[in-house]
Amino acid sequence: MTANPAVLSATGGAVEISAAVSDASGNRLNGVPVSFSAMSGSLGTTWATTDVNGIATTTLTTSVSATVTATVSGTITGTVAVTVNPAPSISITQTTASLVAGGTTTFSVVTGVEAGGAPIATVSVDFGDGSPLAALGSVTGTASVSHVYGVAGTYQVVATVVDTTGQGVTASAVVRVTPAVPFNVTLSASQAQATVNEAVTFTANTGTTTVPIQHFDWTFGDGTSIRTNGNSTSHVYTTAGNRTVTVTASNTDGTTGMAEITLVVAPSVFSVNLTFSPSSPKAGSTVTFTATVSPSTTVVSRMTRTSTTALRLLAVRIRCRTPTTGPPARRARPSLWR
């Protein structure tokens, strides 16, 4: 006798039972009545007649292991066993008391195999947030697995165990992740007052938040803005005035923190050092005046002359003329070339 298939999964199924009838010489017998009986499950027919190949068949439907017996002429019997493999078991529970977005959540996974069951091949966990499956291997017994939910919400966590015959069993748990507690941000500048065309460095401090910062969004109060991954950035103002600078830090869980400061931007300040050559000029000689502007990056837009000789210029030449004969010399009049 044969059973096809001889092994069923835990859910059971249908098996074709065949009984071959032969005489003492081994010749198959056609047209012989065969009686079938089963210890468990149900048979499609309890009587069948052998075909031209000497085989009588019936169908066994069962969800548990069973033995089928075939009887010919009330005395000659044969048996075949059908095995239903027990499924592996699995459960998953949340072991972290409070689930907060951005925090670590731990689950306990317990698997088992009943007597006669096939060994466990794989165990995996789907956290329900679109992240990759956590593969735990062929673990039997208790295992722990951790996960970080970046966004608050309700998630269904599914654990799956598959044995070496390919039958799988799942278990699930529903978890609720609460939003992370809003965090504080402080903002500071490298100087209390800035100057036009001078770089200012701003630094944001996010305190003790344990959730990773995704990015910082800065606005500088002059119509410009920037996004950075780091907590520090520099900016140069081209016009004077009061500027409100803001920074918004965004966590991976979607929460934000914001800070702002007011920065005074003063006009650009520079100094002028005036020298002349030669150091002891004579009447009629050419005197060269040189004005040195500090810092050197200062842009001079125009040159002027004042009665106090405070000259805002890069270079000027003054030539004095004094007559050598004739009436007493008059006071020399300087002439200016730009």
C-alpha atoms as a PDB file:
ATOM      1  CA  MET A   1       0.000   0.000   0.000  1.00  0.00           C
ATOM      2  CA  THR A   2       1.068   3.580  -0.645  1.00  0.00           C
ATOM      3  CA  ALA A   3      -0.046   7.056   0.436  1.00  0.00           C
ATOM      4  CA  ASN A   4       0.527  10.136  -1.699  1.00  0.00           C
ATOM      5  CA  PRO A   5       1.549  12.331  -0.015  1.00  0.00           C
ATOM      6  CA  ALA A   6       2.557  10.370   3.061  1.00  0.00           C
ATOM      7  CA  VAL A   7       3.188  13.541   5.132  1.00  0.00           C
ATOM      8  CA  LEU A   8       0.791  16.470   5.561  1.00  0.00           C
ATOM      9  CA  SER A   9       1.283  19.853   7.105  1.00  0.00           C
ATOM     10  CA  ALA A  10      -0.409  20.787  10.364  1.00  0.00           C
ATOM     11  CA  THR A  11      -3.548  21.893   8.533  1.00  0.00           C
ATOM     12  CA  GLY A  12      -4.011  18.372   7.114  1.00  0.00           C
ATOM     13  CA  GLY A  13      -5.373  17.616   3.683  1.00  0.00           C
ATOM     14  CA  ALA A  14      -6.299  14.856   1.223  1.00  0.00           C
ATOM     15  CA  VAL A  15      -4.164  11.769   0.560  1.00  0.00           C
ATOM     16  CA  GLU A  16      -4.557   9.230  -2.224  1.00  0.00           C
ATOM     17  CA  ILE A  17      -4.422   5.666  -0.818  1.00  0.00           C
ATOM     18  CA  SER A  18      -3.510   2.810  -3.204  1.00  0.00           C
ATOM     19  CA  ALA A  19      -3.641  -0.932  -2.554  1.00  0.00           C
ATOM     20  CA  ALA A  20      -2.031  -3.363  -5.037  1.00  0.00           C
ATOM     21  CA  VAL A  21      -3.432  -6.923  -5.067  1.00  0.00           C
ATOM     22  CA  SER A  22      -1.295  -9.804  -6.408  1.00  0.00           C
ATOM     23  CA  ASP A  23      -1.473 -13.602  -6.397  1.00  0.00           C
ATOM     24  CA  ALA A  24       1.118 -15.851  -4.832  1.00  0.00           C
ATOM     25  CA  SER A  25       3.254 -15.607  -7.966  1.00  0.00           C
ATOM     26  CA  GLY A  26       3.245 -11.826  -7.863  1.00  0.00           C
ATOM     27  CA  ASN A  27       0.791 -11.362 -10.707  1.00  0.00           C
ATOM     28  CA  ARG A  28      -1.520  -8.375 -10.325  1.00  0.00           C
ATOM     29  CA  LEU A  29      -5.184  -9.280 -10.057  1.00  0.00           C
ATOM     30  CA  ASN A  30      -7.932  -7.359 -11.810  1.00  0.00           C
ATOM     31  CA  GLY A  31     -11.483  -7.029 -10.470  1.00  0.00           C
ATOM     32  CA  VAL A  32     -10.750  -7.945  -6.839  1.00  0.00           C
ATOM     33  CA  PRO A  33     -12.917  -6.152  -4.213  1.00  0.00           C
ATOM     34  CA  VAL A  34     -10.886  -4.286  -1.553  1.00  0.00           C
ATOM     35  CA  SER A  35     -12.202  -2.916   1.745  1.00  0.00           C
ATOM     36  CA  PHE A  36     -10.597   0.258   3.267  1.00  0.00           C
ATOM     37  CA  SER A  37     -10.742   1.507   6.854  1.00  0.00           C
ATOM     38  CA  ALA A  38      -8.962   4.371   8.684  1.00  0.00           C
ATOM     39  CA  MET A  39      -8.240   5.066  12.333  1.00  0.00           C
ATOM     40  CA  SER A  40      -8.726   8.824  11.839  1.00  0.00           C
ATOM     41  CA  GLY A  41     -10.093  11.110   9.171  1.00  0.00           C
ATOM     42  CA  SER A  42     -12.611  10.154   6.516  1.00  0.00           C
ATOM     43  CA  LEU A  43     -12.386   7.950   3.419  1.00  0.00           C
ATOM     44  CA  GLY A  44     -13.809   8.843   0.062  1.00  0.00           C
ATOM     45  CA  THR A  45     -14.974   5.220  -0.334  1.00  0.00           C
ATOM     46  CA  THR A  46     -14.600   2.167   1.880  1.00  0.00           C
ATOM     47  CA  TRP A  47     -14.886  -0.316  -1.057  1.00  0.00           C
ATOM     48  CA  ALA A  48     -13.020  -0.343  -4.357  1.00  0.00           C
ATOM     49  CA  THR A  49     -12.249  -2.883  -7.096  1.00  0.00           C
ATOM     50  CA  THR A  50      -8.793  -3.346  -8.520  1.00  0.00           C
ATOM     51  CA  ASP A  51      -8.243  -2.073 -12.040  1.00  0.00           C
ATOM     52  CA  VAL A  52      -6.359  -3.735 -14.886  1.00  0.00           C
ATOM     53  CA  ASN A  53      -3.134  -2.978 -13.042  1.00  0.00           C
ATOM     54  CA  GLY A  54      -4.422  -4.717  -9.917  1.00  0.00           C
ATOM     55  CA  ILE A  55      -4.711  -1.458  -7.931  1.00  0.00           C
ATOM     56  CA  ALA A  56      -7.655  -0.244  -5.866  1.00  0.00           C
ATOM     57  CA  THR A  57      -7.715   3.375  -4.658  1.00  0.00           C
ATOM     58  CA  THR A  58      -9.514   5.619  -2.207  1.00  0.00           C
ATOM     59  CA  THR A  59      -8.956   9.079  -0.703  1.00  0.00           C
ATOM     60  CA  LEU A  60      -8.264   9.900   2.947  1.00  0.00           C
ATOM     61  CA  THR A  61      -9.004  13.402   4.253  1.00  0.00           C
ATOM     62  CA  THR A  62      -7.498  14.096   7.667  1.00  0.00           C
ATOM     63  CA  SER A  63      -6.032  16.771   9.929  1.00  0.00           C
ATOM     64  CA  VAL A  64      -4.257  14.310  12.215  1.00  0.00           C
ATOM     65  CA  SER A  65      -1.957  11.367  11.660  1.00  0.00           C
ATOM     66  CA  ALA A  66      -3.823   8.201  10.606  1.00  0.00           C
ATOM     67  CA  THR A  67      -3.322   4.593   9.536  1.00  0.00           C
ATOM     68  CA  VAL A  68      -5.313   3.172   6.627  1.00  0.00           C
ATOM     69  CA  THR A  69      -5.945  -0.595   6.300  1.00  0.00           C
ATOM     70  CA  ALA A  70      -6.907  -2.444   3.140  1.00  0.00           C
ATOM     71  CA  THR A  71      -8.549  -5.915   3.384  1.00  0.00           C
ATOM     72  CA  VAL A  72      -9.057  -8.529   0.650  1.00  0.00           C
ATOM     73  CA  SER A  73     -11.373 -11.543   1.153  1.00  0.00           C
ATOM     74  CA  GLY A  74     -11.735 -10.613   4.809  1.00  0.00           C
ATOM     75  CA  THR A  75      -8.330 -11.941   5.836  1.00  0.00           C
ATOM     76  CA  ILE A  76      -5.530 -10.509   3.732  1.00  0.00           C
ATOM     77  CA  THR A  77      -4.634  -7.007   4.908  1.00  0.00           C
ATOM     78  CA  GLY A  78      -2.155  -4.238   4.323  1.00  0.00           C
ATOM     79  CA  THR A  79      -1.590  -0.892   6.045  1.00  0.00           C
ATOM     80  CA  VAL A  80      -0.077   2.518   5.286  1.00  0.00           C
ATOM     81  CA  ALA A  81       0.573   5.437   7.650  1.00  0.00           C
ATOM     82  CA  VAL A  82      -0.220   9.085   6.934  1.00  0.00           C
ATOM     83  CA  THR A  83       1.631  11.586   9.100  1.00  0.00           C
ATOM     84  CA  VAL A  84       0.419  15.096   9.907  1.00  0.00           C
ATOM     85  CA  ASN A  85       3.352  17.171  11.080  1.00  0.00           C
ATOM     86  CA  PRO A  86       2.512  19.478  13.999  1.00  0.00           C
ATOM     87  CA  ALA A  87       3.139  23.141  13.227  1.00  0.00           C
ATOM     88  CA  PRO A  88       5.741  25.127  15.137  1.00  0.00           C
ATOM     89  CA  SER A  89       4.447  27.688  17.615  1.00  0.00           C
ATOM     90  CA  ILE A  90       5.347  31.360  18.003  1.00  0.00           C
ATOM     91  CA  SER A  91       4.327  34.339  20.132  1.00  0.00           C
ATOM     92  CA  ILE A  92       5.501  37.951  20.360  1.00  0.00           C
ATOM     93  CA  THR A  93       5.044  40.419  23.230  1.00  0.00           C
ATOM     94  CA  GLN A  94       6.146  43.967  23.887  1.00  0.00           C
ATOM     95  CA  THR A  95       8.543  44.211  26.827  1.00  0.00           C
ATOM     96  CA  THR A  96       9.114  47.981  26.804  1.00  0.00           C
ATOM     97  CA  ALA A  97       6.644  49.655  29.165  1.00  0.00           C
ATOM     98  CA  SER A  98       6.279  52.913  27.224  1.00  0.00           C
ATOM     99  CA  LEU A  99       6.791  53.351  23.494  1.00  0.00           C
ATOM    100  CA  VAL A 100       8.011  56.812  22.500  1.00  0.00           C
ATOM    101  CA  ALA A 101       8.942  57.856  18.981  1.00  0.00           C
ATOM    102  CA  GLY A 102      12.691  57.850  18.606  1.00  0.00           C
ATOM    103  CA  GLY A 103      13.194  55.524  21.574  1.00  0.00           C
ATOM    104  CA  THR A 104      14.231  51.878  21.543  1.00  0.00           C
ATOM    105  CA  THR A 105      11.399  49.319  21.744  1.00  0.00           C
ATOM    106  CA  THR A 106      12.074  45.696  22.712  1.00  0.00           C
ATOM    107  CA  PHE A 107       9.977  42.627  21.870  1.00  0.00           C
ATOM    108  CA  SER A 108      10.184  39.050  23.183  1.00  0.00           C
ATOM    109  CA  VAL A 109       9.708  36.269  20.612  1.00  0.00           C
ATOM    110  CA  VAL A 110       9.045  32.696  21.817  1.00  0.00           C
ATOM    111  CA  THR A 111       9.064  29.712  19.418  1.00  0.00           C
ATOM    112  CA  GLY A 112       8.534  25.993  19.958  1.00  0.00           C
ATOM    113  CA  VAL A 113       8.246  22.621  18.185  1.00  0.00           C
ATOM    114  CA  GLU A 114       5.874  19.818  19.266  1.00  0.00           C
ATOM    115  CA  ALA A 115       6.947  16.207  19.448  1.00  0.00           C
ATOM    116  CA  GLY A 116       7.256  14.823  15.952  1.00  0.00           C
ATOM    117  CA  GLY A 117       7.359  18.292  14.416  1.00  0.00           C
ATOM    118  CA  ALA A 118       9.921  19.434  11.900  1.00  0.00           C
ATOM    119  CA  PRO A 119      12.798  21.651  13.064  1.00  0.00           C
ATOM    120  CA  ILE A 120      12.489  25.430  12.778  1.00  0.00           C
ATOM    121  CA  ALA A 121      14.170  26.903   9.707  1.00  0.00           C
ATOM    122  CA  THR A 122      13.643  30.665  10.058  1.00  0.00           C
ATOM    123  CA  VAL A 123      12.117  33.240  12.397  1.00  0.00           C
ATOM    124  CA  SER A 124      11.472  36.849  11.327  1.00  0.00           C
ATOM    125  CA  VAL A 125       9.727  39.968  12.635  1.00  0.00           C
ATOM    126  CA  ASP A 126       7.919  42.641  10.619  1.00  0.00           C
ATOM    127  CA  PHE A 127       7.617  45.838  12.686  1.00  0.00           C
ATOM    128  CA  GLY A 128       4.814  47.255  10.556  1.00  0.00           C
ATOM    129  CA  ASP A 129       6.479  50.572   9.688  1.00  0.00           C
ATOM    130  CA  GLY A 130       7.979  49.646   6.344  1.00  0.00           C
ATOM    131  CA  SER A 131      11.425  48.928   7.741  1.00  0.00           C
ATOM    132  CA  PRO A 132      13.305  45.749   6.699  1.00  0.00           C
ATOM    133  CA  LEU A 133      12.360  42.460   8.363  1.00  0.00           C
ATOM    134  CA  ALA A 134      14.406  41.451  11.385  1.00  0.00           C
ATOM    135  CA  ALA A 135      15.789  37.944  10.682  1.00  0.00           C
ATOM    136  CA  LEU A 136      16.392  35.933  13.854  1.00  0.00           C
ATOM    137  CA  GLY A 137      17.571  32.728  12.165  1.00  0.00           C
ATOM    138  CA  SER A 138      16.506  29.233  13.257  1.00  0.00           C
ATOM    139  CA  VAL A 139      16.063  30.173  16.914  1.00  0.00           C
ATOM    140  CA  THR A 140      14.037  27.855  19.147  1.00  0.00           C
ATOM    141  CA  GLY A 141      12.919  29.164  22.509  1.00  0.00           C
ATOM    142  CA  THR A 142      13.032  32.833  23.564  1.00  0.00           C
ATOM    143  CA  ALA A 143      14.724  35.636  21.666  1.00  0.00           C
ATOM    144  CA  SER A 144      14.675  39.434  22.032  1.00  0.00           C
ATOM    145  CA  VAL A 145      14.590  41.933  19.188  1.00  0.00           C
ATOM    146  CA  SER A 146      14.745  45.751  19.377  1.00  0.00           C
ATOM    147  CA  HIS A 147      13.452  48.452  17.065  1.00  0.00           C
ATOM    148  CA  VAL A 148      13.210  52.253  16.892  1.00  0.00           C
ATOM    149  CA  TYR A 149       9.969  53.809  15.587  1.00  0.00           C
ATOM    150  CA  GLY A 150      10.742  57.195  14.112  1.00  0.00           C
ATOM    151  CA  VAL A 151       7.145  58.422  13.920  1.00  0.00           C
ATOM    152  CA  ALA A 152       4.328  58.178  16.444  1.00  0.00           C
ATOM    153  CA  GLY A 153       1.348  55.974  15.513  1.00  0.00           C
ATOM    154  CA  THR A 154      -0.207  52.516  15.820  1.00  0.00           C
ATOM    155  CA  TYR A 155       1.647  49.568  14.291  1.00  0.00           C
ATOM    156  CA  GLN A 156       0.937  45.840  13.911  1.00  0.00           C
ATOM    157  CA  VAL A 157       4.030  43.763  14.588  1.00  0.00           C
ATOM    158  CA  VAL A 158       4.025  40.300  12.969  1.00  0.00           C
ATOM    159  CA  ALA A 159       6.391  37.452  13.910  1.00  0.00           C
ATOM    160  CA  THR A 160       6.690  34.459  11.541  1.00  0.00           C
ATOM    161  CA  VAL A 161       8.209  31.012  12.088  1.00  0.00           C
ATOM    162  CA  VAL A 162       8.785  28.516   9.239  1.00  0.00           C
ATOM    163  CA  ASP A 163       9.881  24.885   9.729  1.00  0.00           C
ATOM    164  CA  THR A 164      12.011  22.785   7.408  1.00  0.00           C
ATOM    165  CA  THR A 165       8.912  21.385   5.651  1.00  0.00           C
ATOM    166  CA  GLY A 166       7.914  24.907   4.639  1.00  0.00           C
ATOM    167  CA  GLN A 167       4.887  25.346   6.879  1.00  0.00           C
ATOM    168  CA  GLY A 168       4.742  28.688   8.608  1.00  0.00           C
ATOM    169  CA  VAL A 169       2.892  30.155  11.571  1.00  0.00           C
ATOM    170  CA  THR A 170       2.484  33.829  12.494  1.00  0.00           C
ATOM    171  CA  ALA A 171       1.723  35.776  15.653  1.00  0.00           C
ATOM    172  CA  SER A 172       1.029  39.497  15.952  1.00  0.00           C
ATOM    173  CA  ALA A 173       0.885  42.302  18.468  1.00  0.00           C
ATOM    174  CA  VAL A 174      -0.417  45.862  18.189  1.00  0.00           C
ATOM    175  CA  VAL A 175       1.811  48.619  19.566  1.00  0.00           C
ATOM    176  CA  ARG A 176       1.057  52.296  20.054  1.00  0.00           C
ATOM    177  CA  VAL A 177       3.939  54.747  19.794  1.00  0.00           C
ATOM    178  CA  THR A 178       3.448  58.148  21.409  1.00  0.00           C
ATOM    179  CA  PRO A 179       5.053  61.357  20.120  1.00  0.00           C
ATOM    180  CA  ALA A 180       8.412  62.321  21.533  1.00  0.00           C
ATOM    181  CA  VAL A 181       8.467  65.092  24.128  1.00  0.00           C
ATOM    182  CA  PRO A 182       9.187  68.457  22.424  1.00  0.00           C
ATOM    183  CA  PHE A 183      12.772  69.564  22.921  1.00  0.00           C
ATOM    184  CA  ASN A 184      14.354  72.952  23.610  1.00  0.00           C
ATOM    185  CA  VAL A 185      16.771  74.734  21.313  1.00  0.00           C
ATOM    186  CA  THR A 186      19.075  77.638  22.169  1.00  0.00           C
ATOM    187  CA  LEU A 187      20.771  79.861  19.590  1.00  0.00           C
ATOM    188  CA  SER A 188      23.957  81.890  19.971  1.00  0.00           C
ATOM    189  CA  ALA A 189      26.084  84.131  17.719  1.00  0.00           C
ATOM    190  CA  SER A 190      29.865  84.439  17.626  1.00  0.00           C
ATOM    191  CA  GLN A 191      29.562  88.152  18.464  1.00  0.00           C
ATOM    192  CA  ALA A 192      26.919  90.371  20.056  1.00  0.00           C
ATOM    193  CA  GLN A 193      27.129  92.937  17.231  1.00  0.00           C
ATOM    194  CA  ALA A 194      28.089  92.267  13.655  1.00  0.00           C
ATOM    195  CA  THR A 195      29.468  94.529  10.973  1.00  0.00           C
ATOM    196  CA  VAL A 196      28.517  94.737   7.319  1.00  0.00           C
ATOM    197  CA  ASN A 197      30.604  92.328   5.191  1.00  0.00           C
ATOM    198  CA  GLU A 198      31.800  90.493   8.309  1.00  0.00           C
ATOM    199  CA  ALA A 199      31.108  86.764   8.769  1.00  0.00           C
ATOM    200  CA  VAL A 200      28.998  85.796  11.788  1.00  0.00           C
ATOM    201  CA  THR A 201      28.842  82.218  13.067  1.00  0.00           C
ATOM    202  CA  PHE A 202      25.580  80.913  14.556  1.00  0.00           C
ATOM    203  CA  THR A 203      25.356  77.787  16.724  1.00  0.00           C
ATOM    204  CA  ALA A 204      22.207  75.875  17.780  1.00  0.00           C
ATOM    205  CA  ASN A 205      22.230  73.723  20.914  1.00  0.00           C
ATOM    206  CA  THR A 206      19.545  71.014  21.130  1.00  0.00           C
ATOM    207  CA  GLY A 207      20.235  70.048  24.744  1.00  0.00           C
ATOM    208  CA  THR A 208      19.786  66.475  25.908  1.00  0.00           C
ATOM    209  CA  THR A 209      17.358  65.163  23.291  1.00  0.00           C
ATOM    210  CA  THR A 210      18.036  61.466  22.577  1.00  0.00           C
ATOM    211  CA  VAL A 211      16.294  61.498  19.203  1.00  0.00           C
ATOM    212  CA  PRO A 212      18.632  62.046  16.227  1.00  0.00           C
ATOM    213  CA  ILE A 213      18.444  65.515  14.633  1.00  0.00           C
ATOM    214  CA  GLN A 214      17.623  65.274  10.936  1.00  0.00           C
ATOM    215  CA  HIS A 215      18.381  68.850   9.860  1.00  0.00           C
ATOM    216  CA  PHE A 216      18.476  72.548  10.871  1.00  0.00           C
ATOM    217  CA  ASP A 217      16.582  75.290   8.992  1.00  0.00           C
ATOM    218  CA  TRP A 218      18.029  78.811   9.363  1.00  0.00           C
ATOM    219  CA  THR A 219      16.632  82.231   8.422  1.00  0.00           C
ATOM    220  CA  PHE A 220      18.929  85.248   8.801  1.00  0.00           C
ATOM    221  CA  GLY A 221      16.460  88.127   8.784  1.00  0.00           C
ATOM    222  CA  ASP A 222      17.703  89.567   5.502  1.00  0.00           C
ATOM    223  CA  GLY A 223      15.616  87.440   3.152  1.00  0.00           C
ATOM    224  CA  THR A 224      18.070  84.551   2.987  1.00  0.00           C
ATOM    225  CA  SER A 225      17.781  81.040   4.464  1.00  0.00           C
ATOM    226  CA  ILE A 226      19.651  77.739   4.449  1.00  0.00           C
ATOM    227  CA  ARG A 227      19.242  74.101   5.593  1.00  0.00           C
ATOM    228  CA  THR A 228      22.161  72.286   7.214  1.00  0.00           C
ATOM    229  CA  ASN A 229      22.841  68.892   8.723  1.00  0.00           C
ATOM    230  CA  GLY A 230      25.169  70.346  11.340  1.00  0.00           C
ATOM    231  CA  ASN A 231      24.207  72.661  14.200  1.00  0.00           C
ATOM    232  CA  SER A 232      26.450  75.565  13.116  1.00  0.00           C
ATOM    233  CA  THR A 233      26.556  77.886  10.106  1.00  0.00           C
ATOM    234  CA  SER A 234      28.054  81.242   9.060  1.00  0.00           C
ATOM    235  CA  HIS A 235      26.500  84.222   7.303  1.00  0.00           C
ATOM    236  CA  VAL A 236      27.670  87.592   5.917  1.00  0.00           C
ATOM    237  CA  TYR A 237      25.338  90.628   6.016  1.00  0.00           C
ATOM    238  CA  THR A 238      25.671  93.199   3.237  1.00  0.00           C
ATOM    239  CA  THR A 239      23.479  95.894   4.821  1.00  0.00           C
ATOM    240  CA  ALA A 240      23.202  97.353   8.312  1.00  0.00           C
ATOM    241  CA  GLY A 241      20.203  97.035  10.625  1.00  0.00           C
ATOM    242  CA  ASN A 242      18.583  94.801  13.227  1.00  0.00           C
ATOM    243  CA  ARG A 243      18.188  91.200  12.055  1.00  0.00           C
ATOM    244  CA  THR A 244      16.050  88.464  13.622  1.00  0.00           C
ATOM    245  CA  VAL A 245      17.779  85.111  13.187  1.00  0.00           C
ATOM    246  CA  THR A 246      15.800  81.882  13.682  1.00  0.00           C
ATOM    247  CA  VAL A 247      16.707  78.187  13.634  1.00  0.00           C
ATOM    248  CA  THR A 248      14.337  75.208  13.575  1.00  0.00           C
ATOM    249  CA  ALA A 249      15.750  71.789  14.442  1.00  0.00           C
ATOM    250  CA  SER A 250      13.817  68.749  13.172  1.00  0.00           C
ATOM    251  CA  ASN A 251      14.104  65.284  14.727  1.00  0.00           C
ATOM    252  CA  THR A 252      13.749  61.997  12.870  1.00  0.00           C
ATOM    253  CA  ASP A 253      10.446  61.463  14.707  1.00  0.00           C
ATOM    254  CA  GLY A 254       8.940  64.607  13.167  1.00  0.00           C
ATOM    255  CA  THR A 255       9.092  66.839  16.257  1.00  0.00           C
ATOM    256  CA  THR A 256      10.816  70.222  16.119  1.00  0.00           C
ATOM    257  CA  GLY A 257      12.381  72.807  18.358  1.00  0.00           C
ATOM    258  CA  MET A 258      12.933  76.496  17.517  1.00  0.00           C
ATOM    259  CA  ALA A 259      14.975  79.420  18.811  1.00  0.00           C
ATOM    260  CA  GLU A 260      15.628  82.991  17.683  1.00  0.00           C
ATOM    261  CA  ILE A 261      17.875  85.937  18.514  1.00  0.00           C
ATOM    262  CA  THR A 262      18.138  89.555  17.364  1.00  0.00           C
ATOM    263  CA  LEU A 263      21.474  90.642  15.945  1.00  0.00           C
ATOM    264  CA  VAL A 264      22.553  94.244  15.410  1.00  0.00           C
ATOM    265  CA  VAL A 265      24.483  94.719  12.150  1.00  0.00           C
ATOM    266  CA  ALA A 266      26.484  97.956  12.171  1.00  0.00           C
ATOM    267  CA  PRO A 267      27.830  99.809   9.124  1.00  0.00           C
ATOM    268  CA  SER A 268      31.348  98.941   8.083  1.00  0.00           C
ATOM    269  CA  VAL A 269      33.998 100.882  10.101  1.00  0.00           C
ATOM    270  CA  PHE A 270      37.469 101.700   8.754  1.00  0.00           C
ATOM    271  CA  SER A 271      40.409 103.949   9.560  1.00  0.00           C
ATOM    272  CA  VAL A 272      42.641 106.100   7.333  1.00  0.00           C
ATOM    273  CA  ASN A 273      46.354 106.724   7.928  1.00  0.00           C
ATOM    274  CA  LEU A 274      47.696 109.685   5.927  1.00  0.00           C
ATOM    275  CA  THR A 275      51.383 110.036   5.050  1.00  0.00           C
ATOM    276  CA  PHE A 276      53.344 112.300   2.673  1.00  0.00           C
ATOM    277  CA  SER A 277      56.648 112.298   0.871  1.00  0.00           C
ATOM    278  CA  PRO A 278      59.156 113.862   1.024  1.00  0.00           C
ATOM    279  CA  SER A 279      59.040 114.369   4.754  1.00  0.00           C
ATOM    280  CA  SER A 280      60.419 117.955   4.470  1.00  0.00           C
ATOM    281  CA  PRO A 281      59.043 119.374   1.230  1.00  0.00           C
ATOM    282  CA  LYS A 282      60.299 122.657  -0.256  1.00  0.00           C
ATOM    283  CA  ALA A 283      58.324 125.280  -2.027  1.00  0.00           C
ATOM    284  CA  GLY A 284      57.886 124.374  -5.614  1.00  0.00           C
ATOM    285  CA  SER A 285      58.490 120.694  -5.051  1.00  0.00           C
ATOM    286  CA  THR A 286      55.943 117.964  -5.553  1.00  0.00           C
ATOM    287  CA  VAL A 287      54.525 116.352  -2.420  1.00  0.00           C
ATOM    288  CA  THR A 288      52.810 112.998  -2.588  1.00  0.00           C
ATOM    289  CA  PHE A 289      50.192 112.144   0.004  1.00  0.00           C
ATOM    290  CA  THR A 290      49.179 108.508   0.575  1.00  0.00           C
ATOM    291  CA  ALA A 291      46.112 107.386   2.488  1.00  0.00           C
ATOM    292  CA  THR A 292      46.121 103.814   3.793  1.00  0.00           C
ATOM    293  CA  VAL A 293      42.681 102.382   4.582  1.00  0.00           C
ATOM    294  CA  SER A 294      42.225  99.621   7.169  1.00  0.00           C
ATOM    295  CA  PRO A 295      40.981  96.972   6.900  1.00  0.00           C
ATOM    296  CA  SER A 296      42.377  96.415   3.431  1.00  0.00           C
ATOM    297  CA  THR A 297      39.092  94.883   2.242  1.00  0.00           C
ATOM    298  CA  THR A 298      37.333  98.260   2.587  1.00  0.00           C
ATOM    299  CA  VAL A 299      35.925  99.545  -0.704  1.00  0.00           C
ATOM    300  CA  VAL A 300      36.490 103.316  -1.207  1.00  0.00           C
ATOM    301  CA  SER A 301      33.648 104.789  -3.223  1.00  0.00           C
ATOM    302  CA  ARG A 302      34.956 108.403  -3.588  1.00  0.00           C
ATOM    303  CA  MET A 303      37.761 110.827  -2.626  1.00  0.00           C
ATOM    304  CA  THR A 304      37.149 114.248  -0.993  1.00  0.00           C
ATOM    305  CA  ARG A 305      39.237 117.077   0.460  1.00  0.00           C
ATOM    306  CA  THR A 306      38.330 118.967   3.647  1.00  0.00           C
ATOM    307  CA  SER A 307      39.713 122.021   5.391  1.00  0.00           C
ATOM    308  CA  THR A 308      41.098 119.772   8.151  1.00  0.00           C
ATOM    309  CA  THR A 309      42.965 117.641   5.575  1.00  0.00           C
ATOM    310  CA  ALA A 310      40.994 114.529   6.599  1.00  0.00           C
ATOM    311  CA  LEU A 311      41.265 112.869   3.214  1.00  0.00           C
ATOM    312  CA  ARG A 312      39.266 109.783   2.300  1.00  0.00           C
ATOM    313  CA  LEU A 313      41.260 108.620  -0.699  1.00  0.00           C
ATOM    314  CA  LEU A 314      43.804 106.136  -1.898  1.00  0.00           C
ATOM    315  CA  ALA A 315      46.417 108.587  -3.247  1.00  0.00           C
ATOM    316  CA  VAL A 316      46.615 112.343  -3.952  1.00  0.00           C
ATOM    317  CA  ARG A 317      49.350 114.598  -5.203  1.00  0.00           C
ATOM    318  CA  ILE A 318      49.729 118.248  -4.148  1.00  0.00           C
ATOM    319  CA  ARG A 319      52.190 120.501  -5.958  1.00  0.00           C
ATOM    320  CA  CYS A 320      53.251 123.824  -4.372  1.00  0.00           C
ATOM    321  CA  ARG A 321      54.667 126.668  -6.504  1.00  0.00           C
ATOM    322  CA  THR A 322      56.706 129.543  -5.005  1.00  0.00           C
ATOM    323  CA  PRO A 323      58.272 132.289  -7.221  1.00  0.00           C
ATOM    324  CA  THR A 324      62.083 132.657  -7.051  1.00  0.00           C
ATOM    325  CA  THR A 325      62.172 136.426  -8.073  1.00  0.00           C
ATOM    326  CA  GLY A 326      59.915 139.388  -7.825  1.00  0.00           C
ATOM    327  CA  PRO A 327      57.550 140.330  -4.999  1.00  0.00           C
ATOM    328  CA  PRO A 328      57.497 138.379  -1.765  1.00  0.00           C
ATOM    329  CA  ALA A 329      56.079 134.962  -2.280  1.00  0.00           C
ATOM    330  CA  ARG A 330      52.455 134.477  -1.662  1.00  0.00           C
ATOM    331  CA  ARG A 331      51.110 131.475   0.164  1.00  0.00           C
ATOM    332  CA  ALA A 332      51.252 128.494  -2.097  1.00  0.00           C
ATOM    333  CA  ARG A 333      47.950 127.177  -3.355  1.00  0.00           C
ATOM    334  CA  PRO A 334      47.772 123.435  -3.529  1.00  0.00           C
ATOM    335  CA  SER A 335      46.305 121.895  -6.621  1.00  0.00           C
ATOM    336  CA  LEU A 336      44.567 118.482  -6.432  1.00  0.00           C
ATOM    337  CA  TRP A 337      44.588 115.673  -8.996  1.00  0.00           C
ATOM    338  CA  ARG A 338      42.411 112.608  -8.521  1.00  0.00           C
END
